Amino acid sequence: SWNVIFDMVARSSYARCVRALAPGGRYLMGNPRLSDMLRAGVTSRLTDKKVHFAFAGEKIEELLALKEMIDEGELIAVVDSCFSMERAAEAHRRVETEQRVGAVVLSLDQGVAGYL
């Protein structure tokens, strides 16, 4: 069981994430589907688990705050895989599977040949 789940993967299973929460746990969704937003209200009202959602912003202040968190080591990026530009279509397919466990990176460096 988890006290907090922060989910940024669009195709995650809402039910599986809520079941994985400890009693009193919180499920935080970024950019959720409409159906999951509706379920969030029901879950929060009828159970001891709380579900919140937000949409990612792209304001300069928000991006600078993220940069500061990264610089201070408070936020660590997880890279699933790295692809050369020649393999951009394969990288896109990897993103579409929603099975990745981090960012999929396209590298401009000619020396990058495959997965990290």
N, C-alpha and C. Protein backbone atom coordinates (compact mmCIF):
# COMPACT_ATOMS: atom_id res chain seq x y z
N SER A 1 0.84 -1.20 0.00
CA SER A 1 0.00 0.00 0.00
C SER A 1 0.87 1.25 0.00
N TRP A 2 0.35 2.27 -0.65
CA TRP A 2 1.06 3.55 -0.76
C TRP A 2 0.25 4.65 -0.10
N ASN A 3 0.93 5.59 0.53
CA ASN A 3 0.24 6.74 1.13
C ASN A 3 -0.14 7.76 0.06
N VAL A 4 0.73 7.91 -0.95
CA VAL A 4 0.48 8.86 -2.02
C VAL A 4 0.90 8.24 -3.35
N ILE A 5 0.05 8.40 -4.36
CA ILE A 5 0.39 8.02 -5.73
C ILE A 5 0.22 9.27 -6.57
N PHE A 6 1.29 9.66 -7.26
CA PHE A 6 1.26 10.80 -8.18
C PHE A 6 1.34 10.23 -9.58
N ASP A 7 0.28 10.36 -10.33
CA ASP A 7 0.14 9.68 -11.61
C ASP A 7 0.08 10.69 -12.76
N MET A 8 1.03 10.58 -13.67
CA MET A 8 1.05 11.44 -14.86
C MET A 8 0.86 10.62 -16.14
N VAL A 9 0.51 9.35 -16.01
CA VAL A 9 0.35 8.48 -17.17
C VAL A 9 -1.13 8.43 -17.53
N ALA A 10 -1.45 8.91 -18.71
CA ALA A 10 -2.86 9.08 -19.11
C ALA A 10 -3.67 7.79 -19.08
N ARG A 11 -3.06 6.67 -19.35
CA ARG A 11 -3.82 5.42 -19.44
C ARG A 11 -3.70 4.53 -18.20
N SER A 12 -3.28 5.10 -17.10
CA SER A 12 -3.19 4.30 -15.87
C SER A 12 -4.59 3.83 -15.46
N SER A 13 -4.62 2.71 -14.78
CA SER A 13 -5.89 2.19 -14.29
C SER A 13 -6.28 2.93 -13.01
N TYR A 14 -7.36 3.70 -13.09
CA TYR A 14 -7.84 4.44 -11.93
C TYR A 14 -8.11 3.48 -10.77
N ALA A 15 -8.85 2.43 -11.02
CA ALA A 15 -9.23 1.48 -9.97
C ALA A 15 -8.00 0.84 -9.33
N ARG A 16 -7.02 0.46 -10.15
CA ARG A 16 -5.82 -0.18 -9.62
C ARG A 16 -5.03 0.79 -8.73
N CYS A 17 -4.96 2.05 -9.15
CA CYS A 17 -4.24 3.03 -8.34
C CYS A 17 -4.94 3.27 -7.01
N VAL A 18 -6.26 3.40 -7.02
CA VAL A 18 -7.00 3.62 -5.78
C VAL A 18 -6.87 2.40 -4.86
N ARG A 19 -6.94 1.19 -5.43
CA ARG A 19 -6.77 -0.02 -4.61
C ARG A 19 -5.38 -0.09 -3.98
N ALA A 20 -4.38 0.48 -4.64
CA ALA A 20 -3.01 0.42 -4.14
C ALA A 20 -2.77 1.41 -3.00
N LEU A 21 -3.72 2.28 -2.73
CA LEU A 21 -3.56 3.25 -1.66
C LEU A 21 -3.78 2.64 -0.28
N ALA A 22 -3.01 3.09 0.67
CA ALA A 22 -3.22 2.73 2.07
C ALA A 22 -4.47 3.46 2.56
N PRO A 23 -5.06 3.02 3.67
CA PRO A 23 -6.20 3.76 4.23
C PRO A 23 -5.81 5.22 4.46
N GLY A 24 -6.67 6.12 4.03
CA GLY A 24 -6.39 7.55 4.17
C GLY A 24 -5.43 8.09 3.12
N GLY A 25 -5.06 7.25 2.13
CA GLY A 25 -4.09 7.65 1.12
C GLY A 25 -4.65 8.66 0.13
N ARG A 26 -3.75 9.23 -0.64
CA ARG A 26 -4.12 10.24 -1.62
C ARG A 26 -3.62 9.84 -3.01
N TYR A 27 -4.49 10.02 -3.97
CA TYR A 27 -4.17 9.74 -5.37
C TYR A 27 -4.20 11.07 -6.11
N LEU A 28 -3.07 11.46 -6.67
CA LEU A 28 -2.93 12.72 -7.37
C LEU A 28 -2.76 12.45 -8.86
N MET A 29 -3.68 12.97 -9.68
CA MET A 29 -3.63 12.74 -11.12
C MET A 29 -3.28 14.03 -11.84
N GLY A 30 -2.38 13.93 -12.80
CA GLY A 30 -2.07 15.07 -13.65
C GLY A 30 -2.68 14.84 -15.02
N ASN A 31 -3.41 15.82 -15.52
CA ASN A 31 -4.04 15.74 -16.84
C ASN A 31 -4.92 14.50 -17.00
N PRO A 32 -5.90 14.31 -16.10
CA PRO A 32 -6.72 13.09 -16.13
C PRO A 32 -7.77 13.10 -17.25
N ARG A 33 -8.30 11.90 -17.50
CA ARG A 33 -9.44 11.76 -18.41
C ARG A 33 -10.70 12.25 -17.68
N LEU A 34 -11.71 12.64 -18.44
CA LEU A 34 -12.96 13.13 -17.86
C LEU A 34 -13.58 12.08 -16.93
N SER A 35 -13.58 10.84 -17.35
CA SER A 35 -14.19 9.77 -16.53
C SER A 35 -13.48 9.66 -15.18
N ASP A 36 -12.17 9.83 -15.16
CA ASP A 36 -11.43 9.74 -13.89
C ASP A 36 -11.69 10.96 -13.00
N MET A 37 -11.93 12.12 -13.63
CA MET A 37 -12.28 13.30 -12.83
C MET A 37 -13.61 13.08 -12.12
N LEU A 38 -14.57 12.48 -12.82
CA LEU A 38 -15.87 12.19 -12.21
C LEU A 38 -15.73 11.16 -11.10
N ARG A 39 -14.93 10.14 -11.32
CA ARG A 39 -14.71 9.10 -10.31
C ARG A 39 -14.01 9.68 -9.08
N ALA A 40 -13.18 10.69 -9.28
CA ALA A 40 -12.43 11.29 -8.17
C ALA A 40 -13.38 11.84 -7.11
N GLY A 41 -14.42 12.53 -7.55
CA GLY A 41 -15.38 13.08 -6.59
C GLY A 41 -16.10 12.01 -5.81
N VAL A 42 -16.47 10.95 -6.49
CA VAL A 42 -17.18 9.85 -5.83
C VAL A 42 -16.26 9.16 -4.82
N THR A 43 -15.04 8.86 -5.23
CA THR A 43 -14.08 8.19 -4.35
C THR A 43 -13.80 9.03 -3.11
N SER A 44 -13.59 10.32 -3.31
CA SER A 44 -13.26 11.20 -2.18
C SER A 44 -14.42 11.35 -1.21
N ARG A 45 -15.66 11.29 -1.71
CA ARG A 45 -16.83 11.44 -0.84
C ARG A 45 -17.21 10.15 -0.12
N LEU A 46 -17.01 9.01 -0.79
CA LEU A 46 -17.54 7.76 -0.25
C LEU A 46 -16.50 6.85 0.40
N THR A 47 -15.23 7.23 0.35
CA THR A 47 -14.19 6.40 0.95
C THR A 47 -13.28 7.26 1.81
N ASP A 48 -12.35 6.60 2.51
CA ASP A 48 -11.38 7.35 3.31
C ASP A 48 -10.19 7.80 2.47
N LYS A 49 -10.20 7.49 1.18
CA LYS A 49 -9.12 7.87 0.27
C LYS A 49 -9.51 9.17 -0.45
N LYS A 50 -8.53 9.99 -0.69
CA LYS A 50 -8.79 11.27 -1.35
C LYS A 50 -8.12 11.29 -2.72
N VAL A 51 -8.86 11.76 -3.71
CA VAL A 51 -8.35 11.84 -5.08
C VAL A 51 -8.39 13.30 -5.52
N HIS A 52 -7.25 13.77 -6.02
CA HIS A 52 -7.13 15.14 -6.50
C HIS A 52 -6.60 15.10 -7.93
N PHE A 53 -6.92 16.12 -8.69
CA PHE A 53 -6.35 16.19 -10.03
C PHE A 53 -6.04 17.64 -10.37
N ALA A 54 -5.13 17.80 -11.30
CA ALA A 54 -4.74 19.13 -11.78
C ALA A 54 -4.27 18.99 -13.22
N PHE A 55 -4.23 20.11 -13.88
CA PHE A 55 -3.74 20.13 -15.24
C PHE A 55 -2.41 20.86 -15.27
N ALA A 56 -1.47 20.29 -15.99
CA ALA A 56 -0.13 20.85 -16.04
C ALA A 56 -0.16 22.23 -16.69
N GLY A 57 0.48 23.15 -16.03
CA GLY A 57 0.59 24.50 -16.57
C GLY A 57 1.93 24.67 -17.27
N GLU A 58 2.04 25.70 -18.02
CA GLU A 58 3.29 25.97 -18.71
C GLU A 58 3.66 27.43 -18.56
N LYS A 59 3.32 28.01 -17.41
CA LYS A 59 3.68 29.39 -17.15
C LYS A 59 5.17 29.46 -16.80
N ILE A 60 5.79 30.56 -17.12
CA ILE A 60 7.22 30.74 -16.85
C ILE A 60 7.52 30.50 -15.38
N GLU A 61 6.69 31.02 -14.49
CA GLU A 61 6.92 30.86 -13.05
C GLU A 61 6.92 29.39 -12.64
N GLU A 62 6.00 28.62 -13.22
CA GLU A 62 5.92 27.20 -12.90
C GLU A 62 7.13 26.44 -13.43
N LEU A 63 7.56 26.77 -14.63
CA LEU A 63 8.73 26.11 -15.20
C LEU A 63 9.99 26.47 -14.42
N LEU A 64 10.09 27.72 -13.98
CA LEU A 64 11.25 28.12 -13.17
C LEU A 64 11.24 27.42 -11.81
N ALA A 65 10.05 27.23 -11.24
CA ALA A 65 9.95 26.50 -9.97
C ALA A 65 10.40 25.05 -10.15
N LEU A 66 10.00 24.42 -11.26
CA LEU A 66 10.45 23.06 -11.55
C LEU A 66 11.96 23.01 -11.73
N LYS A 67 12.51 23.97 -12.45
CA LYS A 67 13.96 24.03 -12.67
C LYS A 67 14.70 24.14 -11.33
N GLU A 68 14.18 24.97 -10.45
CA GLU A 68 14.81 25.13 -9.14
C GLU A 68 14.76 23.82 -8.34
N MET A 69 13.63 23.14 -8.40
CA MET A 69 13.50 21.86 -7.69
C MET A 69 14.49 20.83 -8.25
N ILE A 70 14.67 20.83 -9.57
CA ILE A 70 15.62 19.91 -10.20
C ILE A 70 17.04 20.27 -9.78
N ASP A 71 17.37 21.57 -9.85
CA ASP A 71 18.71 22.03 -9.48
C ASP A 71 19.06 21.68 -8.03
N GLU A 72 18.07 21.71 -7.15
CA GLU A 72 18.29 21.43 -5.73
C GLU A 72 18.18 19.94 -5.39
N GLY A 73 17.90 19.12 -6.40
CA GLY A 73 17.81 17.68 -6.17
C GLY A 73 16.51 17.24 -5.53
N GLU A 74 15.53 18.12 -5.47
CA GLU A 74 14.23 17.77 -4.89
C GLU A 74 13.35 17.00 -5.86
N LEU A 75 13.65 17.12 -7.13
CA LEU A 75 12.89 16.47 -8.18
C LEU A 75 13.88 15.80 -9.11
N ILE A 76 13.69 14.52 -9.34
CA ILE A 76 14.61 13.75 -10.18
C ILE A 76 13.86 13.20 -11.37
N ALA A 77 14.37 13.47 -12.55
CA ALA A 77 13.74 12.96 -13.77
C ALA A 77 14.11 11.49 -13.96
N VAL A 78 13.15 10.71 -14.38
CA VAL A 78 13.38 9.30 -14.67
C VAL A 78 13.29 9.12 -16.19
N VAL A 79 14.36 8.59 -16.77
CA VAL A 79 14.40 8.38 -18.21
C VAL A 79 14.17 6.90 -18.48
N ASP A 80 13.14 6.62 -19.25
CA ASP A 80 12.83 5.24 -19.63
C ASP A 80 13.78 4.79 -20.73
N SER A 81 13.92 5.61 -21.77
CA SER A 81 14.74 5.22 -22.90
C SER A 81 15.15 6.46 -23.69
N CYS A 82 16.18 6.28 -24.49
CA CYS A 82 16.71 7.37 -25.30
C CYS A 82 16.87 6.87 -26.73
N PHE A 83 16.38 7.65 -27.68
CA PHE A 83 16.42 7.26 -29.09
C PHE A 83 17.10 8.34 -29.90
N SER A 84 17.77 7.94 -30.97
CA SER A 84 18.32 8.90 -31.92
C SER A 84 17.16 9.45 -32.74
N MET A 85 17.39 10.57 -33.40
CA MET A 85 16.35 11.17 -34.24
C MET A 85 15.89 10.21 -35.34
N GLU A 86 16.80 9.38 -35.81
CA GLU A 86 16.44 8.43 -36.86
C GLU A 86 15.42 7.42 -36.36
N ARG A 87 15.34 7.24 -35.06
CA ARG A 87 14.41 6.27 -34.48
C ARG A 87 13.22 6.96 -33.81
N ALA A 88 12.89 8.17 -34.27
CA ALA A 88 11.81 8.95 -33.67
C ALA A 88 10.47 8.22 -33.72
N ALA A 89 10.19 7.53 -34.81
CA ALA A 89 8.92 6.80 -34.92
C ALA A 89 8.85 5.70 -33.86
N GLU A 90 9.95 5.02 -33.63
CA GLU A 90 9.99 3.97 -32.59
C GLU A 90 9.80 4.59 -31.20
N ALA A 91 10.41 5.74 -30.98
CA ALA A 91 10.24 6.44 -29.70
C ALA A 91 8.78 6.81 -29.50
N HIS A 92 8.13 7.29 -30.54
CA HIS A 92 6.72 7.65 -30.44
C HIS A 92 5.86 6.44 -30.11
N ARG A 93 6.16 5.30 -30.73
CA ARG A 93 5.41 4.07 -30.42
C ARG A 93 5.62 3.68 -28.96
N ARG A 94 6.83 3.87 -28.44
CA ARG A 94 7.12 3.55 -27.03
C ARG A 94 6.25 4.41 -26.12
N VAL A 95 6.11 5.69 -26.44
CA VAL A 95 5.27 6.58 -25.63
C VAL A 95 3.81 6.14 -25.69
N GLU A 96 3.34 5.78 -26.87
CA GLU A 96 1.94 5.38 -27.04
C GLU A 96 1.58 4.12 -26.27
N THR A 97 2.52 3.24 -25.99
CA THR A 97 2.21 2.00 -25.27
C THR A 97 1.84 2.26 -23.82
N GLU A 98 2.24 3.42 -23.29
CA GLU A 98 2.02 3.76 -21.89
C GLU A 98 2.65 2.72 -20.95
N GLN A 99 3.63 1.98 -21.42
CA GLN A 99 4.33 1.02 -20.57
C GLN A 99 5.66 1.56 -20.10
N ARG A 100 5.99 2.76 -20.51
CA ARG A 100 7.26 3.34 -20.10
C ARG A 100 7.22 3.69 -18.62
N VAL A 101 8.38 3.80 -18.02
CA VAL A 101 8.47 4.12 -16.60
C VAL A 101 9.17 5.46 -16.39
N GLY A 102 9.20 6.26 -17.41
CA GLY A 102 9.82 7.58 -17.33
C GLY A 102 9.73 8.25 -18.68
N ALA A 103 10.52 9.28 -18.84
CA ALA A 103 10.51 10.04 -20.09
C ALA A 103 11.18 9.25 -21.20
N VAL A 104 10.67 9.44 -22.40
CA VAL A 104 11.31 8.92 -23.60
C VAL A 104 11.99 10.12 -24.25
N VAL A 105 13.29 10.00 -24.46
CA VAL A 105 14.10 11.13 -24.92
C VAL A 105 14.54 10.92 -26.36
N LEU A 106 14.43 11.98 -27.14
CA LEU A 106 15.01 11.99 -28.49
C LEU A 106 16.33 12.75 -28.38
N SER A 107 17.40 12.12 -28.83
CA SER A 107 18.72 12.73 -28.72
C SER A 107 19.18 13.26 -30.07
N LEU A 108 19.76 14.44 -30.04
CA LEU A 108 20.33 15.02 -31.25
C LEU A 108 21.76 14.52 -31.45
N ASP A 109 22.29 13.85 -30.45
CA ASP A 109 23.66 13.31 -30.52
C ASP A 109 23.68 12.09 -31.44
N GLN A 110 24.54 12.11 -32.43
CA GLN A 110 24.62 11.00 -33.37
C GLN A 110 25.10 9.70 -32.72
N GLY A 111 25.71 9.79 -31.54
CA GLY A 111 26.26 8.60 -30.90
C GLY A 111 25.23 7.77 -30.15
N VAL A 112 24.04 8.26 -29.98
CA VAL A 112 23.02 7.52 -29.24
C VAL A 112 22.42 6.48 -30.17
N ALA A 113 22.52 5.22 -29.75
CA ALA A 113 22.08 4.14 -30.65
C ALA A 113 20.87 3.39 -30.16
N GLY A 114 20.46 3.56 -28.92
CA GLY A 114 19.32 2.77 -28.46
C GLY A 114 18.93 3.10 -27.05
N TYR A 115 18.37 2.13 -26.40
CA TYR A 115 17.91 2.31 -25.03
C TYR A 115 19.08 2.58 -24.11
N LEU A 116 18.82 3.36 -23.07
CA LEU A 116 19.84 3.59 -22.05
C LEU A 116 20.00 2.37 -21.19
